Amino acid sequence: MNKKEILVNKDRKLASILQDFGFSFSDVNKMFRNKDVKVDGIATKQNVMVCKGQTLTFFYSERMLEKKYEKIFESEDAVIVYKFPGIETDGENGLEKVLSAIAVHRLDRNTEGLLVFAKNENAANLLKKAIKNHKIHKFYLTEVVGEFKVDKTFNAYLKKDSKKAEVTVSNVKGKDFLPISTKIKSIKTTPQSSVLEIELLTGRTHQIRAHLAFLGHPIIGDGKYGKNETNKKFHQSHQKLACFRLVFDNIGLDSLNLKTFEKLPKWFV
């Protein structure tokens, strides 16, 4: 067994901290059951809130660590990886630190898919500018609850609540609501679920997850915008959402100009 001890840098739930290290949801629960997790030297079997300044100690085997990413492409300016679910894009244990590179966009912890990192400030500025000017096109695959036969662009408005770390979607523009646009195309549908291809035309926080839930088809495995009883029915603890394709216009970086990168999630293959 391996042992790791860390000093907690902000108030967070215990399971969330452990998942950031690459442990799966089931492995975290196993660690709790085996009393392999200690807070300030005291073993805990529950997903308690851990406060800044407390010491977290946990024991684990190497096989418990999930693969964090797969490298898809690398040049002197940028690296593109496929991030697996349960891993942060940035932060203390995020891929930005692992890769020693600059994240120019991000995916939610439990969303998997293609991510672009810059290896120098000039590349970071060009990539961020390209994203802002919609010159990097992001395509997602997701599986949602219910039958959803569609090939349409949906427009709405989204408001972010930073304190609750969630967003609200509405058909009516209100105070602090920003416009969103999501292109949705059905790939496969059954009465129980539908696989969709999504093109993100605007890049708001939790846009795809919240917009689909607003349309009555939450993503399977989404604990924030879906329903726990539904996720249990599908035996899914991570949302089935993946950024599977990136298409680059001429963005001023020779290694990425007019290139397309694609990788399908395992649950789709």
Protein backbone atom coordinates (compact mmCIF):
# COMPACT_ATOMS: atom_id res chain seq x y z
CA MET A 1 0.00 0.00 0.00
CA ASN A 2 1.10 3.55 -0.75
CA LYS A 3 0.65 6.43 1.67
CA LYS A 4 0.10 10.09 0.83
CA GLU A 5 -0.31 13.03 3.18
CA ILE A 6 -1.46 16.49 2.08
CA LEU A 7 -2.38 19.79 3.68
CA VAL A 8 -5.87 20.85 2.56
CA ASN A 9 -5.80 24.29 0.90
CA LYS A 10 -9.53 25.04 0.90
CA ASP A 11 -12.78 23.75 2.42
CA ARG A 12 -14.06 20.79 0.36
CA LYS A 13 -15.87 17.49 0.65
CA LEU A 14 -13.49 14.59 1.27
CA ALA A 15 -14.58 12.49 -1.72
CA SER A 16 -14.09 15.44 -4.05
CA ILE A 17 -10.47 15.84 -2.94
CA LEU A 18 -9.76 12.14 -3.42
CA GLN A 19 -11.34 12.05 -6.87
CA ASP A 20 -9.07 14.89 -7.95
CA PHE A 21 -6.13 12.53 -7.41
CA GLY A 22 -7.63 10.12 -9.95
CA PHE A 23 -9.49 7.70 -7.69
CA SER A 24 -12.81 6.45 -9.02
CA PHE A 25 -16.09 6.92 -7.15
CA SER A 26 -16.17 3.22 -6.22
CA ASP A 27 -12.55 3.24 -5.04
CA VAL A 28 -13.21 6.25 -2.80
CA ASN A 29 -16.08 4.36 -1.14
CA LYS A 30 -13.82 1.31 -0.74
CA MET A 31 -11.18 3.48 0.94
CA PHE A 32 -13.83 4.76 3.35
CA ARG A 33 -14.99 1.22 4.18
CA ASN A 34 -11.42 0.05 4.80
CA LYS A 35 -10.63 3.06 7.01
CA ASP A 36 -7.84 4.04 4.62
CA VAL A 37 -8.63 7.75 4.90
CA LYS A 38 -7.69 9.89 7.90
CA VAL A 39 -8.37 13.54 8.70
CA ASP A 40 -5.91 14.95 11.23
CA GLY A 41 -4.95 11.38 12.11
CA ILE A 42 -8.50 10.17 12.73
CA ALA A 43 -9.96 7.56 10.34
CA THR A 44 -13.26 8.47 8.73
CA LYS A 45 -15.78 6.32 6.86
CA GLN A 46 -17.92 9.25 5.68
CA ASN A 47 -17.72 11.94 3.02
CA VAL A 48 -17.18 14.73 5.53
CA MET A 49 -16.33 18.37 4.86
CA VAL A 50 -12.59 18.93 5.26
CA CYS A 51 -11.44 22.42 6.18
CA LYS A 52 -8.45 24.44 5.01
CA GLY A 53 -5.40 23.68 7.13
CA GLN A 54 -6.41 20.14 8.07
CA THR A 55 -4.14 17.22 7.21
CA LEU A 56 -5.49 14.48 4.97
CA THR A 57 -3.78 11.08 4.94
CA PHE A 58 -4.82 8.20 2.69
CA PHE A 59 -3.56 4.75 1.75
CA TYR A 60 -3.98 3.24 -1.71
CA SER A 61 -2.65 0.72 -4.22
CA GLU A 62 -1.27 1.77 -7.61
CA ARG A 63 -3.99 -0.13 -9.47
CA MET A 64 -6.62 2.13 -7.87
CA LEU A 65 -5.35 5.18 -9.73
CA GLU A 66 -7.26 5.82 -12.89
CA LYS A 67 -5.51 7.05 -15.99
CA LYS A 68 -5.77 10.84 -16.01
CA TYR A 69 -5.23 11.57 -19.69
CA GLU A 70 -4.03 10.33 -23.07
CA LYS A 71 -1.79 12.54 -25.18
CA ILE A 72 -3.24 13.06 -28.66
CA PHE A 73 -0.87 15.64 -30.19
CA GLU A 74 2.13 17.73 -29.22
CA SER A 75 4.21 20.46 -30.87
CA GLU A 76 6.59 23.12 -29.57
CA ASP A 77 3.59 25.41 -28.98
CA ALA A 78 0.74 23.21 -27.78
CA VAL A 79 -0.33 19.85 -26.45
CA ILE A 80 -3.76 18.25 -26.94
CA VAL A 81 -4.86 15.55 -24.52
CA TYR A 82 -7.96 13.45 -23.92
CA LYS A 83 -8.96 14.04 -20.28
CA PHE A 84 -10.70 11.19 -18.50
CA PRO A 85 -13.59 11.84 -16.06
CA GLY A 86 -12.87 12.62 -12.42
CA ILE A 87 -9.90 14.89 -13.21
CA GLU A 88 -9.74 18.69 -12.94
CA THR A 89 -8.46 20.78 -15.83
CA ASP A 90 -6.64 23.23 -13.55
CA GLY A 91 -5.97 23.65 -9.83
CA GLU A 92 -3.53 21.96 -7.47
CA ASN A 93 -4.09 18.44 -8.86
CA GLY A 94 -5.30 19.40 -12.32
CA LEU A 95 -3.85 18.54 -15.72
CA GLU A 96 -2.45 22.05 -16.12
CA LYS A 97 0.02 21.28 -13.33
CA VAL A 98 0.64 17.70 -14.45
CA LEU A 99 1.51 18.85 -17.99
CA SER A 100 3.30 22.07 -16.90
CA ALA A 101 1.27 23.86 -19.57
CA ILE A 102 -1.39 26.59 -19.78
CA ALA A 103 -5.05 25.57 -20.03
CA VAL A 104 -6.74 27.77 -22.65
CA HIS A 105 -10.20 26.29 -22.04
CA ARG A 106 -11.56 23.75 -19.58
CA LEU A 107 -13.86 20.77 -19.08
CA ASP A 108 -15.82 20.04 -15.91
CA ARG A 109 -14.20 17.47 -13.62
CA ASN A 110 -16.63 14.70 -14.58
CA THR A 111 -16.69 15.57 -18.29
CA GLU A 112 -14.17 13.78 -20.48
CA GLY A 113 -12.67 14.76 -23.79
CA LEU A 114 -10.18 16.76 -25.82
CA LEU A 115 -8.39 19.69 -24.17
CA VAL A 116 -5.84 22.13 -25.58
CA PHE A 117 -2.93 23.40 -23.51
CA ALA A 118 -0.40 26.04 -24.57
CA LYS A 119 3.31 25.53 -23.90
CA ASN A 120 4.24 29.22 -23.96
CA GLU A 121 2.59 32.62 -23.46
CA ASN A 122 2.50 33.50 -27.17
CA ALA A 123 0.65 30.28 -28.01
CA ALA A 124 -1.68 30.81 -25.04
CA ASN A 125 -2.62 34.29 -26.29
CA LEU A 126 -3.27 33.04 -29.84
CA LEU A 127 -5.35 30.07 -28.65
CA LYS A 128 -7.42 32.16 -26.22
CA LYS A 129 -8.04 34.72 -28.97
CA ALA A 130 -9.09 31.93 -31.35
CA ILE A 131 -11.57 30.57 -28.80
CA LYS A 132 -12.98 34.04 -28.19
CA ASN A 133 -13.41 34.58 -31.95
CA HIS A 134 -15.01 31.13 -32.45
CA LYS A 135 -12.13 29.82 -34.56
CA ILE A 136 -11.83 26.61 -32.56
CA HIS A 137 -14.97 24.51 -32.99
CA LYS A 138 -15.89 22.06 -30.20
CA PHE A 139 -18.10 19.01 -30.77
CA TYR A 140 -19.45 16.78 -28.01
CA LEU A 141 -21.13 13.40 -27.70
CA THR A 142 -23.61 12.79 -24.91
CA GLU A 143 -26.28 10.33 -23.88
CA VAL A 144 -29.44 11.82 -22.39
CA VAL A 145 -32.54 10.52 -20.70
CA GLY A 146 -35.51 9.80 -22.97
CA GLU A 147 -36.20 9.80 -26.70
CA PHE A 148 -34.98 13.02 -28.33
CA LYS A 149 -35.15 13.10 -32.14
CA VAL A 150 -33.76 16.45 -33.19
CA ASP A 151 -31.49 18.32 -35.62
CA LYS A 152 -31.72 21.93 -34.56
CA THR A 153 -29.95 24.88 -32.97
CA PHE A 154 -31.52 25.89 -29.65
CA ASN A 155 -31.17 29.43 -28.31
CA ALA A 156 -31.83 30.50 -24.74
CA TYR A 157 -30.35 32.52 -21.87
CA LEU A 158 -28.11 31.40 -19.01
CA LYS A 159 -27.37 32.91 -15.61
CA LYS A 160 -24.46 31.77 -13.45
CA ASP A 161 -24.68 31.54 -9.66
CA SER A 162 -21.05 31.39 -8.49
CA LYS A 163 -21.99 30.77 -4.86
CA LYS A 164 -24.00 27.65 -5.71
CA ALA A 165 -21.63 26.67 -8.56
CA GLU A 166 -24.56 26.13 -10.91
CA VAL A 167 -26.45 27.90 -13.66
CA THR A 168 -30.06 28.59 -14.62
CA VAL A 169 -31.44 28.49 -18.17
CA SER A 170 -34.45 30.46 -19.37
CA ASN A 171 -36.21 31.28 -22.63
CA VAL A 172 -36.62 34.85 -21.35
CA LYS A 173 -33.71 37.23 -20.93
CA GLY A 174 -33.47 38.57 -17.39
CA LYS A 175 -30.90 40.39 -15.32
CA ASP A 176 -27.42 38.86 -15.62
CA PHE A 177 -28.65 36.29 -18.17
CA LEU A 178 -26.34 35.76 -21.15
CA PRO A 179 -27.37 34.32 -24.54
CA ILE A 180 -26.48 30.71 -25.32
CA SER A 181 -26.66 28.73 -28.53
CA THR A 182 -26.43 24.93 -28.69
CA LYS A 183 -26.63 22.88 -31.90
CA ILE A 184 -28.06 19.41 -31.24
CA LYS A 185 -28.28 16.43 -33.62
CA SER A 186 -29.61 12.97 -32.75
CA ILE A 187 -27.30 10.05 -33.52
CA LYS A 188 -29.31 7.21 -32.00
CA THR A 189 -32.56 7.20 -30.05
CA THR A 190 -34.59 4.71 -28.03
CA PRO A 191 -37.54 5.28 -25.69
CA GLN A 192 -35.08 5.07 -22.78
CA SER A 193 -32.20 7.26 -23.97
CA SER A 194 -30.70 9.19 -26.88
CA VAL A 195 -27.13 9.72 -28.07
CA LEU A 196 -26.61 13.25 -29.35
CA GLU A 197 -23.89 15.19 -31.15
CA ILE A 198 -23.55 18.72 -29.78
CA GLU A 199 -21.77 21.67 -31.36
CA LEU A 200 -21.08 24.32 -28.76
CA LEU A 201 -21.73 27.66 -30.45
CA THR A 202 -21.31 29.64 -27.24
CA GLY A 203 -19.11 28.52 -24.37
CA ARG A 204 -20.89 29.28 -21.10
CA THR A 205 -20.37 27.47 -17.80
CA HIS A 206 -22.28 24.13 -17.70
CA GLN A 207 -24.04 25.18 -20.92
CA ILE A 208 -24.60 21.74 -22.44
CA ARG A 209 -25.60 20.10 -19.16
CA ALA A 210 -28.00 22.82 -18.08
CA HIS A 211 -29.48 23.43 -21.55
CA LEU A 212 -30.29 19.76 -22.12
CA ALA A 213 -31.87 19.50 -18.67
CA PHE A 214 -33.93 22.61 -19.46
CA LEU A 215 -35.10 20.91 -22.68
CA GLY A 216 -36.30 17.94 -20.62
CA HIS A 217 -33.44 15.55 -21.45
CA PRO A 218 -30.77 15.67 -18.73
CA ILE A 219 -27.46 13.93 -19.33
CA ILE A 220 -27.24 10.44 -17.87
CA GLY A 221 -24.98 10.51 -14.82
CA ASP A 222 -25.27 14.25 -14.22
CA GLY A 223 -25.71 14.66 -10.47
CA LYS A 224 -26.24 18.43 -10.60
CA TYR A 225 -28.78 18.92 -13.40
CA GLY A 226 -30.18 15.40 -13.58
CA LYS A 227 -31.90 13.18 -11.01
CA ASN A 228 -30.07 10.75 -8.74
CA GLU A 229 -32.75 8.07 -9.04
CA THR A 230 -32.44 8.19 -12.84
CA ASN A 231 -28.64 7.99 -12.72
CA LYS A 232 -28.88 4.96 -10.42
CA LYS A 233 -31.22 3.32 -12.91
CA PHE A 234 -28.55 3.67 -15.62
CA HIS A 235 -25.76 2.73 -13.15
CA GLN A 236 -23.83 5.86 -14.08
CA SER A 237 -21.83 8.03 -11.62
CA HIS A 238 -20.11 10.28 -14.21
CA GLN A 239 -22.06 12.29 -16.77
CA LYS A 240 -21.92 10.72 -20.23
CA LEU A 241 -20.53 13.80 -21.92
CA ALA A 242 -17.35 13.97 -23.99
CA CYS A 243 -15.68 16.61 -26.16
CA PHE A 244 -14.76 14.24 -28.99
CA ARG A 245 -13.75 16.59 -31.82
CA LEU A 246 -11.82 19.87 -32.14
CA VAL A 247 -11.67 21.71 -35.46
CA PHE A 248 -9.19 24.55 -35.91
CA ASP A 249 -9.49 27.40 -38.37
CA ASN A 250 -6.37 29.38 -39.31
CA ILE A 251 -5.44 30.59 -35.82
CA GLY A 252 -1.84 31.70 -36.39
CA LEU A 253 -0.13 28.54 -35.11
CA ASP A 254 1.37 26.46 -37.93
CA SER A 255 1.09 23.20 -36.00
CA LEU A 256 -2.67 23.61 -35.48
CA ASN A 257 -3.89 25.65 -38.46
CA LEU A 258 -6.78 23.91 -40.28
CA LYS A 259 -6.32 20.71 -38.27
CA THR A 260 -9.01 18.40 -36.87
CA PHE A 261 -8.55 16.10 -33.87
CA GLU A 262 -11.02 13.41 -32.85
CA LYS A 263 -11.30 10.65 -30.25
CA LEU A 264 -14.49 8.80 -29.35
CA PRO A 265 -15.33 7.98 -25.70
CA LYS A 266 -15.25 4.30 -24.74
CA TRP A 267 -18.95 4.29 -23.90
CA PHE A 268 -19.78 5.30 -27.50
CA VAL A 269 -17.50 2.86 -29.35
